[in-house]
Amino acid sequence: MPDYTPTDEHDDFEPPSKSELKRRMTALQNLGEALTALSDKQLQKVPIEDTRLLEAIAEAQRITSNSARRRHLQFIGKLMRDIDAEPIAAALSAMHQEQHRAAAHFQGLEALRDRLLSEGPDVIGDVVERWPDTDRQHLRNLLLQAQREQKRGQAPAAARKLFRYLRELASAAGDGDALDAAADGDDES
């Protein structure tokens, strides 16, 4: 019996397995589910050109029944098979990264505020160094008021004002130096 060896390059191509196809379809369905969790404003930032898909997403947001929602998500996954999902996935990824950056920035400002409250007026110089437009006297007053509230066990109204002022400074400067401040505070403690 002669040995048969395929010489044609096209014969080496194997179609994806059923498991691989199912993984792809589940990934598209999960991507569709992530789209249904977005607000209208966020959804407008995602490059979706298929009007049927947009309508299906809007309808899925209105469905409250679990079984109907599950079936509708499968329908969204089916619709997504016909479009290029890469730009949508990239847009969602960019949104999530921006949310993580904003959360990290927020946490950095909180850490700076906590550092100010724990270490006192000595840290004001670091804040002025990061944001030269800082009103030193206003910052000092907010800090002392927050520390007084803390000692008395009162609600942290002044600490909130202090945080708002730090957030205004950071947004006016347009930078994320609050993250560095949080790291510096952790090193010095």
Protein backbone atom coordinates (compact mmCIF):
# COMPACT_ATOMS: atom_id res chain seq x y z
CA MET A 1 0.00 0.00 0.00
CA PRO A 2 1.56 3.34 -0.98
CA ASP A 3 2.20 5.99 1.64
CA TYR A 4 -0.04 8.95 1.16
CA THR A 5 1.44 12.26 2.22
CA PRO A 6 -0.53 15.40 1.53
CA THR A 7 1.37 17.79 -0.64
CA ASP A 8 -1.25 20.49 -0.81
CA GLU A 9 -0.85 23.17 1.92
CA HIS A 10 -4.63 23.60 2.20
CA ASP A 11 -5.02 20.06 3.44
CA ASP A 12 -3.05 20.96 6.61
CA PHE A 13 -5.69 23.47 7.68
CA GLU A 14 -7.99 22.12 10.35
CA PRO A 15 -11.19 23.89 11.23
CA PRO A 16 -11.58 24.92 14.87
CA SER A 17 -12.91 22.26 17.18
CA LYS A 18 -16.43 22.39 18.59
CA SER A 19 -14.99 23.35 21.97
CA GLU A 20 -13.05 26.23 20.43
CA LEU A 21 -16.15 27.46 18.60
CA LYS A 22 -18.14 27.28 21.83
CA ARG A 23 -15.44 29.27 23.68
CA ARG A 24 -15.56 31.95 20.99
CA MET A 25 -19.35 32.17 21.14
CA THR A 26 -19.29 32.35 24.95
CA ALA A 27 -16.71 35.13 24.75
CA LEU A 28 -18.92 37.07 22.34
CA GLN A 29 -21.90 36.53 24.64
CA ASN A 30 -19.87 37.78 27.62
CA LEU A 31 -18.83 40.81 25.60
CA GLY A 32 -22.50 41.45 24.81
CA GLU A 33 -23.35 41.11 28.50
CA ALA A 34 -20.69 43.69 29.32
CA LEU A 35 -22.28 46.01 26.76
CA THR A 36 -25.67 45.67 28.47
CA ALA A 37 -24.12 46.80 31.75
CA LEU A 38 -23.02 50.13 30.24
CA SER A 39 -24.97 53.35 30.58
CA ASP A 40 -26.29 55.07 27.46
CA LYS A 41 -23.48 57.63 27.64
CA GLN A 42 -20.83 54.91 27.85
CA LEU A 43 -22.51 52.90 25.11
CA GLN A 44 -22.25 55.85 22.74
CA LYS A 45 -18.46 55.72 23.08
CA VAL A 46 -18.36 52.11 21.84
CA PRO A 47 -18.04 51.75 18.04
CA ILE A 48 -21.17 49.69 17.30
CA GLU A 49 -22.48 50.19 13.79
CA ASP A 50 -25.10 47.43 13.72
CA THR A 51 -28.46 48.97 14.62
CA ARG A 52 -29.98 45.55 15.39
CA LEU A 53 -27.27 44.99 17.98
CA LEU A 54 -27.86 48.41 19.54
CA GLU A 55 -31.59 47.72 19.73
CA ALA A 56 -30.97 44.28 21.26
CA ILE A 57 -28.67 45.81 23.89
CA ALA A 58 -31.27 48.44 24.77
CA GLU A 59 -33.92 45.76 25.03
CA ALA A 60 -31.71 43.56 27.23
CA GLN A 61 -31.26 46.48 29.62
CA ARG A 62 -35.04 46.61 30.08
CA ILE A 63 -35.51 42.84 30.67
CA THR A 64 -35.80 41.87 34.32
CA SER A 65 -36.65 38.16 34.08
CA ASN A 66 -33.52 36.04 34.46
CA SER A 67 -34.45 33.37 31.92
CA ALA A 68 -35.59 35.92 29.33
CA ARG A 69 -32.42 37.92 29.93
CA ARG A 70 -30.26 34.82 29.46
CA ARG A 71 -31.99 34.01 26.16
CA HIS A 72 -31.63 37.60 25.01
CA LEU A 73 -27.92 37.60 25.85
CA GLN A 74 -27.57 34.51 23.68
CA PHE A 75 -29.31 36.42 20.91
CA ILE A 76 -26.86 39.32 21.37
CA GLY A 77 -24.00 36.83 21.15
CA LYS A 78 -25.49 35.51 17.90
CA LEU A 79 -25.72 39.04 16.48
CA MET A 80 -22.12 39.69 17.47
CA ARG A 81 -20.92 36.76 15.35
CA ASP A 82 -21.74 38.81 12.25
CA ILE A 83 -19.66 41.86 13.23
CA ASP A 84 -16.04 42.53 14.05
CA ALA A 85 -15.90 42.43 17.84
CA GLU A 86 -12.27 43.61 18.16
CA PRO A 87 -13.04 47.38 18.12
CA ILE A 88 -15.81 46.83 20.67
CA ALA A 89 -13.53 44.80 22.94
CA ALA A 90 -10.79 47.43 22.59
CA ALA A 91 -13.21 50.24 23.49
CA LEU A 92 -14.46 48.33 26.55
CA SER A 93 -10.90 47.63 27.61
CA ALA A 94 -10.00 51.31 27.29
CA MET A 95 -13.05 52.24 29.40
CA HIS A 96 -12.09 49.76 32.10
CA GLN A 97 -8.51 51.02 32.15
CA GLU A 98 -9.74 54.60 32.51
CA GLN A 99 -12.00 53.54 35.39
CA HIS A 100 -9.08 51.82 37.09
CA ARG A 101 -6.90 54.90 36.60
CA ALA A 102 -9.60 57.13 38.06
CA ALA A 103 -10.08 54.78 41.02
CA ALA A 104 -6.33 54.66 41.64
CA HIS A 105 -6.15 58.46 41.46
CA PHE A 106 -9.06 58.73 43.91
CA GLN A 107 -7.38 56.28 46.29
CA GLY A 108 -4.14 58.22 45.98
CA LEU A 109 -5.91 61.41 47.02
CA GLU A 110 -7.54 59.58 49.93
CA ALA A 111 -4.13 58.29 51.02
CA LEU A 112 -2.71 61.81 50.82
CA ARG A 113 -5.58 63.13 52.94
CA ASP A 114 -5.07 60.33 55.48
CA ARG A 115 -1.35 61.08 55.53
CA LEU A 116 -2.10 64.76 56.15
CA LEU A 117 -4.43 63.84 59.01
CA SER A 118 -1.99 61.42 60.62
CA GLU A 119 1.27 63.35 60.16
CA GLY A 120 -0.13 66.85 60.50
CA PRO A 121 1.17 70.16 59.14
CA ASP A 122 4.59 68.69 58.28
CA VAL A 123 3.11 67.20 55.10
CA ILE A 124 1.72 70.53 53.85
CA GLY A 125 5.14 71.29 52.34
CA ASP A 126 4.89 68.11 50.23
CA VAL A 127 1.45 69.15 48.98
CA VAL A 128 2.70 72.64 48.10
CA GLU A 129 5.68 71.09 46.32
CA ARG A 130 3.38 68.91 44.19
CA TRP A 131 0.85 71.64 43.53
CA PRO A 132 2.48 75.09 43.75
CA ASP A 133 -0.89 76.88 43.46
CA THR A 134 -1.93 75.52 46.86
CA ASP A 135 -3.32 78.03 49.31
CA ARG A 136 -1.16 76.99 52.24
CA GLN A 137 -3.26 78.79 54.85
CA HIS A 138 -6.53 77.33 53.60
CA LEU A 139 -5.02 73.83 53.54
CA ARG A 140 -3.66 74.29 57.08
CA ASN A 141 -7.06 75.49 58.35
CA LEU A 142 -8.85 72.53 56.77
CA LEU A 143 -6.27 70.15 58.22
CA LEU A 144 -6.49 71.55 61.75
CA GLN A 145 -10.29 71.56 61.61
CA ALA A 146 -10.32 67.92 60.43
CA GLN A 147 -7.88 66.90 63.18
CA ARG A 148 -10.07 68.61 65.80
CA GLU A 149 -13.12 66.75 64.49
CA GLN A 150 -11.17 63.51 64.58
CA LYS A 151 -10.13 64.04 68.22
CA ARG A 152 -13.70 64.86 69.26
CA GLY A 153 -15.12 61.86 67.40
CA GLN A 154 -17.34 64.03 65.23
CA ALA A 155 -18.47 63.35 61.69
CA PRO A 156 -15.62 63.95 59.24
CA ALA A 157 -17.09 67.00 57.46
CA ALA A 158 -13.77 68.87 57.44
CA ALA A 159 -11.94 65.76 56.24
CA ARG A 160 -14.34 65.68 53.30
CA LYS A 161 -13.67 69.35 52.62
CA LEU A 162 -9.94 68.61 52.77
CA PHE A 163 -10.38 65.80 50.26
CA ARG A 164 -12.41 68.04 47.95
CA TYR A 165 -9.71 70.69 48.10
CA LEU A 166 -7.01 68.12 47.25
CA ARG A 167 -9.15 66.89 44.35
CA GLU A 168 -9.54 70.48 43.08
CA LEU A 169 -5.77 70.97 43.26
CA ALA A 170 -5.12 67.77 41.34
CA SER A 171 -7.69 68.54 38.65
CA ALA A 172 -6.43 72.12 38.28
CA ALA A 173 -2.90 70.79 37.80
CA GLY A 174 -4.18 68.09 35.45
CA ASP A 175 -1.84 65.42 36.71
CA GLY A 176 -1.94 62.21 38.73
CA ASP A 177 0.73 63.09 41.28
CA ALA A 178 -1.61 62.02 44.07
CA LEU A 179 -0.54 58.45 43.38
CA ASP A 180 3.07 59.39 44.11
CA ALA A 181 1.94 61.11 47.27
CA ALA A 182 0.22 57.95 48.45
CA ALA A 183 3.35 55.93 47.75
CA ASP A 184 5.52 58.45 49.59
CA GLY A 185 3.16 58.35 52.54
CA ASP A 186 3.36 54.57 52.73
CA ASP A 187 7.17 54.65 52.69
CA GLU A 188 7.47 57.21 55.46
CA SER A 189 4.95 55.63 57.85
